[in-house]
Amino acid sequence: MKTITLLILVMGFSNPTFAHEGHDKTPGVVTAPHGGVVQGSDNLYWELVKESADLKLYPLTHDLAPIPLKEISLTGTATLPKKKKGDAVKFSPMSDHFITQVDAKGAYRYSLDLSFTYKGKKEKVKFQVEPQS
């Protein structure tokens, strides 16, 4: 009787250890190819890379392949804390990314809202940018 009880206890406690096998990666986590921050939409990803005063925005497919800039129409606004309305941001196309600069006026954080059209579909993404870090 003790042997059966011990066997049931051992089997009962050993199975849960295998229940989490293969769950060491978080679903939906994307590794940024350029070391920035990635935000996704239904049709593509945007990677934001902050280099001193410059903000670089890389459009990427969901397979993380670069998207030609001529296929995207991009506008954006930067909204500082305690402001209700954002200021328009001008983006300059480079070889594989858009570049811009935002005057944070000493703010510790601001939001960068992107509106874009890709393959005839209009979408939006939002980044929280910390200029001091």
N, C-alpha and C. Protein backbone atom coordinates (compact mmCIF):
# COMPACT_ATOMS: atom_id res chain seq x y z
N MET A 1 0.81 -1.18 0.00
CA MET A 1 0.00 0.00 0.00
C MET A 1 0.86 1.26 0.00
N LYS A 2 1.95 1.24 0.81
CA LYS A 2 2.84 2.39 0.84
C LYS A 2 3.52 2.57 -0.51
N THR A 3 3.83 1.48 -1.16
CA THR A 3 4.50 1.55 -2.47
C THR A 3 3.59 2.18 -3.50
N ILE A 4 2.33 1.84 -3.52
CA ILE A 4 1.38 2.40 -4.48
C ILE A 4 1.18 3.89 -4.21
N THR A 5 1.03 4.26 -2.96
CA THR A 5 0.86 5.66 -2.59
C THR A 5 2.09 6.47 -2.98
N LEU A 6 3.26 5.94 -2.72
CA LEU A 6 4.50 6.62 -3.09
C LEU A 6 4.62 6.75 -4.60
N LEU A 7 4.25 5.73 -5.33
CA LEU A 7 4.31 5.75 -6.79
C LEU A 7 3.36 6.81 -7.35
N ILE A 8 2.16 6.91 -6.80
CA ILE A 8 1.19 7.91 -7.26
C ILE A 8 1.71 9.32 -6.97
N LEU A 9 2.29 9.51 -5.80
CA LEU A 9 2.83 10.82 -5.47
C LEU A 9 3.99 11.21 -6.39
N VAL A 10 4.88 10.29 -6.65
CA VAL A 10 6.02 10.57 -7.52
C VAL A 10 5.55 10.88 -8.93
N MET A 11 4.63 10.11 -9.45
CA MET A 11 4.12 10.36 -10.81
C MET A 11 3.34 11.67 -10.87
N GLY A 12 2.59 11.96 -9.83
CA GLY A 12 1.81 13.18 -9.80
C GLY A 12 2.66 14.43 -9.78
N PHE A 13 3.81 14.37 -9.11
CA PHE A 13 4.68 15.54 -9.03
C PHE A 13 5.69 15.62 -10.17
N SER A 14 5.91 14.56 -10.88
CA SER A 14 6.91 14.59 -11.94
C SER A 14 6.36 15.13 -13.25
N ASN A 15 5.10 14.92 -13.55
CA ASN A 15 4.52 15.38 -14.81
C ASN A 15 4.49 16.89 -14.97
N PRO A 16 4.16 17.67 -13.94
CA PRO A 16 4.14 19.11 -14.14
C PRO A 16 5.49 19.71 -14.53
N THR A 17 6.57 19.04 -14.26
CA THR A 17 7.87 19.60 -14.64
C THR A 17 8.04 19.65 -16.15
N PHE A 18 7.34 18.81 -16.86
CA PHE A 18 7.43 18.81 -18.31
C PHE A 18 6.38 19.71 -18.97
N ALA A 19 5.45 20.20 -18.20
CA ALA A 19 4.37 21.01 -18.76
C ALA A 19 4.87 22.33 -19.33
N HIS A 20 5.99 22.84 -18.85
CA HIS A 20 6.47 24.14 -19.31
C HIS A 20 7.65 24.02 -20.25
N GLU A 21 7.93 22.86 -20.72
CA GLU A 21 9.04 22.68 -21.64
C GLU A 21 8.75 23.41 -22.94
N GLY A 22 9.74 24.14 -23.45
CA GLY A 22 9.58 24.86 -24.71
C GLY A 22 8.93 26.23 -24.54
N HIS A 23 8.66 26.64 -23.33
CA HIS A 23 8.03 27.94 -23.10
C HIS A 23 9.05 28.96 -22.61
N ASP A 24 10.29 28.84 -23.05
CA ASP A 24 11.32 29.76 -22.59
C ASP A 24 11.39 31.03 -23.41
N LYS A 25 10.59 31.14 -24.46
CA LYS A 25 10.58 32.35 -25.28
C LYS A 25 9.21 33.00 -25.16
N THR A 26 9.21 34.31 -25.04
CA THR A 26 7.97 35.04 -24.91
C THR A 26 7.34 35.20 -26.28
N PRO A 27 6.07 34.84 -26.45
CA PRO A 27 5.42 35.02 -27.74
C PRO A 27 5.31 36.49 -28.08
N GLY A 28 5.52 36.82 -29.34
CA GLY A 28 5.36 38.19 -29.78
C GLY A 28 6.58 39.07 -29.58
N VAL A 29 7.66 38.55 -29.03
CA VAL A 29 8.86 39.35 -28.83
C VAL A 29 9.64 39.40 -30.15
N VAL A 30 10.01 40.60 -30.56
CA VAL A 30 10.73 40.80 -31.81
C VAL A 30 12.09 41.39 -31.48
N THR A 31 13.14 40.80 -32.01
CA THR A 31 14.48 41.33 -31.83
C THR A 31 14.72 42.43 -32.86
N ALA A 32 15.04 43.61 -32.38
CA ALA A 32 15.25 44.75 -33.26
C ALA A 32 16.56 44.60 -34.03
N PRO A 33 16.51 44.60 -35.36
CA PRO A 33 17.73 44.41 -36.16
C PRO A 33 18.78 45.51 -35.99
N HIS A 34 18.35 46.72 -35.64
CA HIS A 34 19.28 47.85 -35.51
C HIS A 34 19.49 48.26 -34.06
N GLY A 35 18.99 47.46 -33.12
CA GLY A 35 19.18 47.75 -31.70
C GLY A 35 18.22 48.76 -31.12
N GLY A 36 17.11 49.02 -31.79
CA GLY A 36 16.15 50.00 -31.31
C GLY A 36 14.96 49.37 -30.62
N VAL A 37 13.83 50.07 -30.71
CA VAL A 37 12.57 49.63 -30.13
C VAL A 37 11.61 49.37 -31.28
N VAL A 38 10.90 48.24 -31.22
CA VAL A 38 10.01 47.84 -32.32
C VAL A 38 8.55 47.96 -31.88
N GLN A 39 7.74 48.58 -32.75
CA GLN A 39 6.28 48.62 -32.59
C GLN A 39 5.68 48.05 -33.86
N GLY A 40 4.62 47.29 -33.70
CA GLY A 40 4.03 46.64 -34.86
C GLY A 40 2.64 47.14 -35.19
N SER A 41 2.28 46.94 -36.42
CA SER A 41 0.92 47.19 -36.89
C SER A 41 0.47 45.92 -37.62
N ASP A 42 -0.68 45.96 -38.22
CA ASP A 42 -1.18 44.78 -38.91
C ASP A 42 -0.30 44.36 -40.08
N ASN A 43 0.32 45.33 -40.76
CA ASN A 43 1.04 45.03 -42.00
C ASN A 43 2.55 45.15 -41.92
N LEU A 44 3.08 45.82 -40.90
CA LEU A 44 4.53 45.97 -40.84
C LEU A 44 4.97 46.32 -39.43
N TYR A 45 6.28 46.34 -39.25
CA TYR A 45 6.90 46.78 -38.00
C TYR A 45 7.63 48.09 -38.26
N TRP A 46 7.74 48.91 -37.21
CA TRP A 46 8.59 50.09 -37.23
C TRP A 46 9.61 49.93 -36.14
N GLU A 47 10.87 50.18 -36.47
CA GLU A 47 11.93 50.17 -35.46
C GLU A 47 12.42 51.59 -35.28
N LEU A 48 12.42 52.06 -34.04
CA LEU A 48 12.90 53.40 -33.70
C LEU A 48 14.26 53.28 -33.06
N VAL A 49 15.24 53.95 -33.66
CA VAL A 49 16.60 53.98 -33.12
C VAL A 49 16.94 55.43 -32.80
N LYS A 50 17.31 55.67 -31.55
CA LYS A 50 17.65 57.02 -31.11
C LYS A 50 19.16 57.15 -31.08
N GLU A 51 19.70 58.09 -31.85
CA GLU A 51 21.14 58.37 -31.87
C GLU A 51 21.33 59.86 -31.63
N SER A 52 21.78 60.21 -30.48
CA SER A 52 21.91 61.60 -30.01
C SER A 52 20.61 62.36 -30.29
N ALA A 53 20.63 63.36 -31.13
CA ALA A 53 19.42 64.13 -31.40
C ALA A 53 18.57 63.53 -32.52
N ASP A 54 19.11 62.57 -33.25
CA ASP A 54 18.40 61.98 -34.39
C ASP A 54 17.52 60.81 -33.97
N LEU A 55 16.37 60.72 -34.62
CA LEU A 55 15.50 59.56 -34.50
C LEU A 55 15.45 58.90 -35.87
N LYS A 56 15.83 57.63 -35.92
CA LYS A 56 15.78 56.88 -37.18
C LYS A 56 14.64 55.88 -37.10
N LEU A 57 13.83 55.84 -38.15
CA LEU A 57 12.69 54.94 -38.22
C LEU A 57 12.85 53.99 -39.40
N TYR A 58 12.95 52.71 -39.08
CA TYR A 58 13.13 51.67 -40.09
C TYR A 58 11.82 50.93 -40.30
N PRO A 59 11.24 50.96 -41.50
CA PRO A 59 10.06 50.14 -41.77
C PRO A 59 10.51 48.72 -42.13
N LEU A 60 9.86 47.74 -41.51
CA LEU A 60 10.25 46.33 -41.70
C LEU A 60 9.01 45.46 -41.92
N THR A 61 9.17 44.41 -42.69
CA THR A 61 8.10 43.44 -42.83
C THR A 61 8.01 42.65 -41.53
N HIS A 62 7.01 41.81 -41.41
CA HIS A 62 6.89 40.97 -40.22
C HIS A 62 7.97 39.90 -40.17
N ASP A 63 8.70 39.72 -41.27
CA ASP A 63 9.87 38.84 -41.29
C ASP A 63 11.16 39.61 -41.04
N LEU A 64 11.02 40.90 -40.69
CA LEU A 64 12.13 41.82 -40.38
C LEU A 64 13.00 42.17 -41.59
N ALA A 65 12.42 42.06 -42.77
CA ALA A 65 13.12 42.49 -43.98
C ALA A 65 12.81 43.97 -44.21
N PRO A 66 13.78 44.74 -44.72
CA PRO A 66 13.53 46.17 -44.96
C PRO A 66 12.47 46.37 -46.04
N ILE A 67 11.71 47.43 -45.89
CA ILE A 67 10.69 47.80 -46.87
C ILE A 67 11.19 49.03 -47.61
N PRO A 68 11.13 49.04 -48.95
CA PRO A 68 11.54 50.24 -49.69
C PRO A 68 10.71 51.46 -49.27
N LEU A 69 11.38 52.57 -49.01
CA LEU A 69 10.71 53.76 -48.50
C LEU A 69 9.69 54.32 -49.48
N LYS A 70 9.89 54.10 -50.76
CA LYS A 70 8.95 54.63 -51.76
C LYS A 70 7.57 53.96 -51.66
N GLU A 71 7.47 52.83 -50.95
CA GLU A 71 6.20 52.13 -50.79
C GLU A 71 5.39 52.65 -49.60
N ILE A 72 5.95 53.63 -48.86
CA ILE A 72 5.31 54.09 -47.63
C ILE A 72 5.12 55.61 -47.67
N SER A 73 3.95 56.04 -47.25
CA SER A 73 3.67 57.45 -47.02
C SER A 73 3.62 57.65 -45.51
N LEU A 74 4.45 58.54 -44.97
CA LEU A 74 4.61 58.67 -43.52
C LEU A 74 4.41 60.11 -43.05
N THR A 75 3.61 60.28 -42.01
CA THR A 75 3.48 61.55 -41.30
C THR A 75 3.55 61.24 -39.81
N GLY A 76 3.80 62.27 -39.01
CA GLY A 76 3.88 62.03 -37.58
C GLY A 76 3.74 63.29 -36.76
N THR A 77 3.46 63.07 -35.47
CA THR A 77 3.39 64.17 -34.52
C THR A 77 4.12 63.77 -33.25
N ALA A 78 4.70 64.76 -32.60
CA ALA A 78 5.36 64.56 -31.31
C ALA A 78 4.56 65.36 -30.28
N THR A 79 4.12 64.67 -29.22
CA THR A 79 3.31 65.30 -28.19
C THR A 79 4.07 65.30 -26.88
N LEU A 80 4.34 66.49 -26.37
CA LEU A 80 5.04 66.65 -25.09
C LEU A 80 4.05 66.46 -23.94
N PRO A 81 4.56 66.12 -22.75
CA PRO A 81 3.67 65.97 -21.60
C PRO A 81 2.90 67.26 -21.33
N LYS A 82 1.69 67.11 -20.85
CA LYS A 82 0.80 68.21 -20.49
C LYS A 82 0.34 69.04 -21.69
N LYS A 83 0.58 68.55 -22.89
CA LYS A 83 0.06 69.22 -24.08
C LYS A 83 -1.01 68.33 -24.68
N LYS A 84 -2.06 68.95 -25.14
CA LYS A 84 -3.16 68.17 -25.72
C LYS A 84 -2.95 67.89 -27.19
N LYS A 85 -2.22 68.78 -27.85
CA LYS A 85 -2.02 68.65 -29.28
C LYS A 85 -0.54 68.48 -29.59
N GLY A 86 -0.24 67.58 -30.52
CA GLY A 86 1.14 67.34 -30.91
C GLY A 86 1.60 68.27 -32.01
N ASP A 87 2.90 68.40 -32.13
CA ASP A 87 3.51 69.19 -33.19
C ASP A 87 3.89 68.27 -34.34
N ALA A 88 3.67 68.74 -35.55
CA ALA A 88 4.01 67.94 -36.74
C ALA A 88 5.52 67.68 -36.79
N VAL A 89 5.87 66.50 -37.23
CA VAL A 89 7.27 66.09 -37.36
C VAL A 89 7.54 65.85 -38.84
N LYS A 90 8.66 66.36 -39.33
CA LYS A 90 9.05 66.17 -40.74
C LYS A 90 10.07 65.05 -40.82
N PHE A 91 9.81 64.09 -41.69
CA PHE A 91 10.70 62.95 -41.88
C PHE A 91 11.45 63.08 -43.20
N SER A 92 12.74 62.80 -43.17
CA SER A 92 13.57 62.80 -44.38
C SER A 92 13.93 61.36 -44.71
N PRO A 93 13.67 60.95 -45.96
CA PRO A 93 14.03 59.57 -46.34
C PRO A 93 15.54 59.44 -46.55
N MET A 94 16.10 58.39 -46.03
CA MET A 94 17.51 58.05 -46.26
C MET A 94 17.51 56.77 -47.09
N SER A 95 18.57 56.00 -47.09
CA SER A 95 18.63 54.80 -47.92
C SER A 95 17.62 53.74 -47.49
N ASP A 96 17.60 53.39 -46.20
CA ASP A 96 16.70 52.34 -45.73
C ASP A 96 15.87 52.75 -44.52
N HIS A 97 15.87 54.05 -44.19
CA HIS A 97 15.13 54.53 -43.02
C HIS A 97 14.75 55.99 -43.21
N PHE A 98 13.82 56.42 -42.36
CA PHE A 98 13.47 57.83 -42.28
C PHE A 98 14.21 58.41 -41.08
N ILE A 99 14.54 59.70 -41.16
CA ILE A 99 15.24 60.34 -40.05
C ILE A 99 14.53 61.65 -39.72
N THR A 100 14.54 61.99 -38.43
CA THR A 100 13.94 63.23 -37.98
C THR A 100 14.61 63.66 -36.68
N GLN A 101 14.31 64.88 -36.28
CA GLN A 101 14.75 65.39 -34.98
C GLN A 101 13.55 66.03 -34.31
N VAL A 102 13.44 65.81 -33.00
CA VAL A 102 12.34 66.38 -32.22
C VAL A 102 12.94 67.18 -31.08
N ASP A 103 12.49 68.42 -30.93
CA ASP A 103 12.91 69.25 -29.80
C ASP A 103 12.01 68.92 -28.62
N ALA A 104 12.54 68.20 -27.65
CA ALA A 104 11.75 67.78 -26.49
C ALA A 104 11.57 68.91 -25.48
N LYS A 105 12.24 70.03 -25.67
CA LYS A 105 12.12 71.21 -24.80
C LYS A 105 12.31 70.84 -23.33
N GLY A 106 13.28 69.97 -23.07
CA GLY A 106 13.60 69.59 -21.71
C GLY A 106 12.69 68.53 -21.09
N ALA A 107 11.72 68.04 -21.83
CA ALA A 107 10.80 67.03 -21.30
C ALA A 107 11.52 65.70 -21.12
N TYR A 108 11.13 64.96 -20.13
CA TYR A 108 11.74 63.66 -19.86
C TYR A 108 11.21 62.58 -20.79
N ARG A 109 10.04 62.83 -21.38
CA ARG A 109 9.43 61.84 -22.27
C ARG A 109 8.42 62.54 -23.18
N TYR A 110 8.24 62.01 -24.36
CA TYR A 110 7.18 62.48 -25.25
C TYR A 110 6.71 61.30 -26.09
N SER A 111 5.55 61.46 -26.69
CA SER A 111 5.05 60.39 -27.56
C SER A 111 5.24 60.80 -29.01
N LEU A 112 5.63 59.83 -29.80
CA LEU A 112 5.80 60.01 -31.24
C LEU A 112 4.75 59.14 -31.91
N ASP A 113 3.78 59.79 -32.54
CA ASP A 113 2.69 59.09 -33.22
C ASP A 113 2.95 59.08 -34.72
N LEU A 114 2.99 57.90 -35.29
CA LEU A 114 3.20 57.75 -36.73
C LEU A 114 1.89 57.36 -37.39
N SER A 115 1.58 58.02 -38.48
CA SER A 115 0.46 57.65 -39.35
C SER A 115 1.08 57.35 -40.70
N PHE A 116 0.71 56.22 -41.27
CA PHE A 116 1.34 55.83 -42.52
C PHE A 116 0.39 55.04 -43.38
N THR A 117 0.71 55.01 -44.65
CA THR A 117 -0.03 54.20 -45.61
C THR A 117 0.96 53.25 -46.26
N TYR A 118 0.61 51.97 -46.24
CA TYR A 118 1.44 50.93 -46.84
C TYR A 118 0.52 49.93 -47.52
N LYS A 119 0.77 49.71 -48.80
CA LYS A 119 -0.06 48.81 -49.62
C LYS A 119 -1.54 49.22 -49.57
N GLY A 120 -1.77 50.52 -49.61
CA GLY A 120 -3.12 51.05 -49.64
C GLY A 120 -3.86 51.03 -48.31
N LYS A 121 -3.20 50.62 -47.24
CA LYS A 121 -3.85 50.54 -45.94
C LYS A 121 -3.27 51.59 -45.00
N LYS A 122 -4.14 52.35 -44.36
CA LYS A 122 -3.71 53.38 -43.41
C LYS A 122 -3.65 52.77 -42.02
N GLU A 123 -2.55 53.04 -41.33
CA GLU A 123 -2.36 52.51 -39.99
C GLU A 123 -1.62 53.53 -39.12
N LYS A 124 -1.55 53.22 -37.82
CA LYS A 124 -0.86 54.09 -36.87
C LYS A 124 -0.09 53.24 -35.88
N VAL A 125 1.03 53.80 -35.39
CA VAL A 125 1.77 53.23 -34.27
C VAL A 125 2.22 54.38 -33.39
N LYS A 126 2.53 54.06 -32.13
CA LYS A 126 2.92 55.08 -31.17
C LYS A 126 4.15 54.61 -30.41
N PHE A 127 5.13 55.51 -30.27
CA PHE A 127 6.34 55.27 -29.49
C PHE A 127 6.37 56.23 -28.32
N GLN A 128 6.89 55.77 -27.20
CA GLN A 128 7.23 56.65 -26.07
C GLN A 128 8.75 56.85 -26.15
N VAL A 129 9.17 58.10 -26.29
CA VAL A 129 10.58 58.42 -26.47
C VAL A 129 11.08 59.15 -25.23
N GLU A 130 12.21 58.70 -24.72
CA GLU A 130 12.87 59.35 -23.59
C GLU A 130 14.17 59.96 -24.07
N PRO A 131 14.17 61.26 -24.37
CA PRO A 131 15.36 61.88 -24.98
C PRO A 131 16.58 61.91 -24.09
N GLN A 132 16.42 61.87 -22.78
CA GLN A 132 17.55 61.98 -21.86
C GLN A 132 18.33 60.69 -21.69
N SER A 133 17.73 59.55 -22.02
CA SER A 133 18.41 58.28 -21.78
C SER A 133 19.33 57.89 -22.90
